[in-house]
C-alpha atoms as a PDB file:
ATOM      1  CA  MET A   1      51.384  32.693  10.798  1.00  0.00           C
ATOM      2  CA  SER A   2      53.471  32.619   7.985  1.00  0.00           C
ATOM      3  CA  LEU A   3      55.079  35.112   5.728  1.00  0.00           C
ATOM      4  CA  HIS A   4      53.277  36.520   2.530  1.00  0.00           C
ATOM      5  CA  VAL A   5      55.328  38.271  -0.118  1.00  0.00           C
ATOM      6  CA  GLU A   6      53.963  40.429  -2.964  1.00  0.00           C
ATOM      7  CA  PHE A   7      56.549  41.710  -5.550  1.00  0.00           C
ATOM      8  CA  VAL A   8      55.257  44.576  -7.852  1.00  0.00           C
ATOM      9  CA  THR A   9      57.325  46.666 -10.207  1.00  0.00           C
ATOM     10  CA  LYS A  10      56.228  50.198 -10.840  1.00  0.00           C
ATOM     11  CA  GLU A  11      58.482  51.817 -13.520  1.00  0.00           C
ATOM     12  CA  ASN A  12      62.060  51.384 -12.165  1.00  0.00           C
ATOM     13  CA  VAL A  13      61.115  50.594  -8.628  1.00  0.00           C
ATOM     14  CA  LEU A  14      60.627  47.198  -7.005  1.00  0.00           C
ATOM     15  CA  VAL A  15      57.790  47.257  -4.426  1.00  0.00           C
ATOM     16  CA  VAL A  16      58.173  44.631  -1.839  1.00  0.00           C
ATOM     17  CA  ARG A  17      54.978  44.064   0.405  1.00  0.00           C
ATOM     18  CA  LEU A  18      55.503  41.758   3.356  1.00  0.00           C
ATOM     19  CA  GLU A  19      52.655  40.439   5.419  1.00  0.00           C
ATOM     20  CA  GLY A  20      52.616  38.070   8.508  1.00  0.00           C
ATOM     21  CA  GLU A  21      55.828  36.967  10.298  1.00  0.00           C
ATOM     22  CA  LEU A  22      59.551  37.130   9.081  1.00  0.00           C
ATOM     23  CA  ASP A  23      61.492  34.907  11.101  1.00  0.00           C
ATOM     24  CA  HIS A  24      64.489  32.643  10.556  1.00  0.00           C
ATOM     25  CA  HIS A  25      62.206  29.901   9.003  1.00  0.00           C
ATOM     26  CA  GLU A  26      61.212  32.240   6.304  1.00  0.00           C
ATOM     27  CA  THR A  27      64.434  34.424   5.608  1.00  0.00           C
ATOM     28  CA  GLY A  28      66.069  32.086   3.215  1.00  0.00           C
ATOM     29  CA  LYS A  29      63.114  31.749   0.769  1.00  0.00           C
ATOM     30  CA  LEU A  30      62.471  35.772   1.020  1.00  0.00           C
ATOM     31  CA  ARG A  31      66.243  36.254   0.216  1.00  0.00           C
ATOM     32  CA  ALA A  32      66.223  34.111  -2.653  1.00  0.00           C
ATOM     33  CA  SER A  33      62.883  35.510  -4.143  1.00  0.00           C
ATOM     34  CA  TRP A  34      63.828  39.021  -3.566  1.00  0.00           C
ATOM     35  CA  ARG A  35      67.370  38.504  -5.182  1.00  0.00           C
ATOM     36  CA  ASP A  36      65.645  36.964  -8.270  1.00  0.00           C
ATOM     37  CA  GLN A  37      63.305  39.933  -8.607  1.00  0.00           C
ATOM     38  CA  LEU A  38      66.135  42.377  -8.472  1.00  0.00           C
ATOM     39  CA  GLN A  39      67.925  40.410 -11.163  1.00  0.00           C
ATOM     40  CA  GLN A  40      64.938  39.584 -13.407  1.00  0.00           C
ATOM     41  CA  ASN A  41      63.212  43.134 -13.580  1.00  0.00           C
ATOM     42  CA  ASN A  42      64.771  46.212 -14.776  1.00  0.00           C
ATOM     43  CA  VAL A  43      64.561  48.083 -11.597  1.00  0.00           C
ATOM     44  CA  ASP A  44      66.904  50.605  -9.627  1.00  0.00           C
ATOM     45  CA  HIS A  45      65.277  51.385  -6.491  1.00  0.00           C
ATOM     46  CA  VAL A  46      63.264  49.318  -3.778  1.00  0.00           C
ATOM     47  CA  VAL A  47      60.366  50.328  -1.639  1.00  0.00           C
ATOM     48  CA  VAL A  48      59.555  47.928   1.289  1.00  0.00           C
ATOM     49  CA  ASN A  49      56.016  48.132   2.758  1.00  0.00           C
ATOM     50  CA  LEU A  50      55.931  46.626   6.256  1.00  0.00           C
ATOM     51  CA  LYS A  51      52.363  47.744   6.943  1.00  0.00           C
ATOM     52  CA  LYS A  52      51.032  44.193   7.396  1.00  0.00           C
ATOM     53  CA  LEU A  53      54.164  42.608   8.818  1.00  0.00           C
ATOM     54  CA  ASN A  54      53.429  42.008  12.491  1.00  0.00           C
ATOM     55  CA  PHE A  55      56.624  40.203  13.526  1.00  0.00           C
ATOM     56  CA  MET A  56      60.398  40.252  12.492  1.00  0.00           C
ATOM     57  CA  ASP A  57      63.427  38.772  14.313  1.00  0.00           C
ATOM     58  CA  SER A  58      67.112  39.503  13.729  1.00  0.00           C
ATOM     59  CA  SER A  59      67.364  37.184  10.807  1.00  0.00           C
ATOM     60  CA  GLY A  60      64.836  39.449   9.165  1.00  0.00           C
ATOM     61  CA  LEU A  61      66.868  42.464   9.747  1.00  0.00           C
ATOM     62  CA  GLY A  62      69.813  40.619   8.237  1.00  0.00           C
ATOM     63  CA  VAL A  63      67.733  40.189   4.891  1.00  0.00           C
ATOM     64  CA  MET A  64      66.903  43.856   4.867  1.00  0.00           C
ATOM     65  CA  LEU A  65      70.477  44.949   5.541  1.00  0.00           C
ATOM     66  CA  GLY A  66      71.683  42.558   2.744  1.00  0.00           C
ATOM     67  CA  ARG A  67      69.235  43.920   0.198  1.00  0.00           C
ATOM     68  CA  TYR A  68      69.934  47.420   1.195  1.00  0.00           C
ATOM     69  CA  LYS A  69      73.620  46.970   0.563  1.00  0.00           C
ATOM     70  CA  GLU A  70      72.937  45.331  -2.807  1.00  0.00           C
ATOM     71  CA  VAL A  71      70.741  48.325  -3.826  1.00  0.00           C
ATOM     72  CA  GLN A  72      73.225  50.825  -2.495  1.00  0.00           C
ATOM     73  CA  ALA A  73      76.106  49.329  -4.207  1.00  0.00           C
ATOM     74  CA  SER A  74      74.361  50.068  -7.455  1.00  0.00           C
ATOM     75  CA  GLY A  75      74.055  53.660  -6.445  1.00  0.00           C
ATOM     76  CA  ASN A  76      70.364  53.316  -5.943  1.00  0.00           C
ATOM     77  CA  GLU A  77      67.924  53.643  -2.986  1.00  0.00           C
ATOM     78  CA  MET A  78      65.858  51.401  -0.672  1.00  0.00           C
ATOM     79  CA  ILE A  79      63.030  53.018   1.369  1.00  0.00           C
ATOM     80  CA  ILE A  80      61.034  51.367   4.185  1.00  0.00           C
ATOM     81  CA  CYS A  81      57.501  52.612   4.419  1.00  0.00           C
ATOM     82  CA  SER A  82      54.264  51.978   6.322  1.00  0.00           C
ATOM     83  CA  ILE A  83      55.921  50.034   9.180  1.00  0.00           C
ATOM     84  CA  SER A  84      54.051  48.524  11.855  1.00  0.00           C
ATOM     85  CA  PRO A  85      54.595  49.660  15.486  1.00  0.00           C
ATOM     86  CA  GLU A  86      55.920  46.149  16.534  1.00  0.00           C
ATOM     87  CA  VAL A  87      58.497  45.982  13.667  1.00  0.00           C
ATOM     88  CA  ARG A  88      59.417  49.704  14.035  1.00  0.00           C
ATOM     89  CA  ARG A  89      60.559  49.038  17.594  1.00  0.00           C
ATOM     90  CA  LEU A  90      63.064  46.373  16.237  1.00  0.00           C
ATOM     91  CA  PHE A  91      64.327  48.910  13.595  1.00  0.00           C
ATOM     92  CA  ASP A  92      64.752  51.511  16.270  1.00  0.00           C
ATOM     93  CA  LEU A  93      66.460  49.377  18.577  1.00  0.00           C
ATOM     94  CA  SER A  94      69.008  48.051  15.958  1.00  0.00           C
ATOM     95  CA  GLY A  95      69.758  51.421  14.525  1.00  0.00           C
ATOM     96  CA  MET A  96      68.609  50.407  10.909  1.00  0.00           C
ATOM     97  CA  PHE A  97      66.922  53.892  10.428  1.00  0.00           C
ATOM     98  CA  LYS A  98      70.417  55.595  10.882  1.00  0.00           C
ATOM     99  CA  ILE A  99      71.203  54.129   7.258  1.00  0.00           C
ATOM    100  CA  MET A 100      67.779  53.335   5.817  1.00  0.00           C
ATOM    101  CA  ARG A 101      65.088  55.947   5.075  1.00  0.00           C
ATOM    102  CA  LEU A 102      61.700  55.749   6.632  1.00  0.00           C
ATOM    103  CA  VAL A 103      58.431  57.377   5.111  1.00  0.00           C
ATOM    104  CA  ASP A 104      54.835  57.083   6.162  1.00  0.00           C
ATOM    105  CA  SER A 105      53.311  55.604   2.867  1.00  0.00           C
ATOM    106  CA  GLU A 106      54.151  53.716  -0.164  1.00  0.00           C
ATOM    107  CA  SER A 107      52.678  56.319  -2.402  1.00  0.00           C
ATOM    108  CA  TYR A 108      55.114  58.972  -0.880  1.00  0.00           C
ATOM    109  CA  ALA A 109      58.069  56.633  -1.104  1.00  0.00           C
ATOM    110  CA  LEU A 110      57.183  56.026  -4.863  1.00  0.00           C
ATOM    111  CA  GLU A 111      56.837  59.748  -5.443  1.00  0.00           C
ATOM    112  CA  LEU A 112      60.251  60.389  -3.956  1.00  0.00           C
ATOM    113  CA  LEU A 113      61.795  57.963  -6.329  1.00  0.00           C
ATOM    114  CA  GLY A 114      60.250  59.680  -9.240  1.00  0.00           C
ATOM    115  CA  VAL A 115      57.191  57.356  -9.929  1.00  0.00           C
ATOM    116  CA  ALA A 116      54.560  60.036 -10.585  1.00  0.00           C
ATOM    117  CA  SER A 117      51.322  58.138 -10.959  1.00  0.00           C
ATOM    118  CA  CYS A 118      50.817  54.853  -9.383  1.00  0.00           C
ATOM    119  CA  GLU A 119      47.823  52.643  -8.468  1.00  0.00           C
ATOM    120  CA  MET A 120      47.773  51.913  -4.749  1.00  0.00           C
ATOM    121  CA  ARG A 121      46.074  49.027  -3.043  1.00  0.00           C
END
């Protein structure tokens, strides 16, 4: 299975929805497209929805950490939400949740970032 990426802008928030497998074969393309989305859209914050991501390796963690640092450097926030149990284990073992915020749902993450009304899938 490959990686499917969906980018949606909701007010000043970029929502990144990942589905499938994020491994070293997919990270280069994801890194570039994510960076393009941050530069092209007028967004401050990022919500990363990992509900449908069933595999991630250390290179995927590297992409997450890189984008987190970019967003933080601008004084903004990146929130992880709806994480699958398989991927959550990797985040837990790596200590990523010591720096990144995790919430249960995309709608709650958007609410925390000030996006009042939003249409969810």
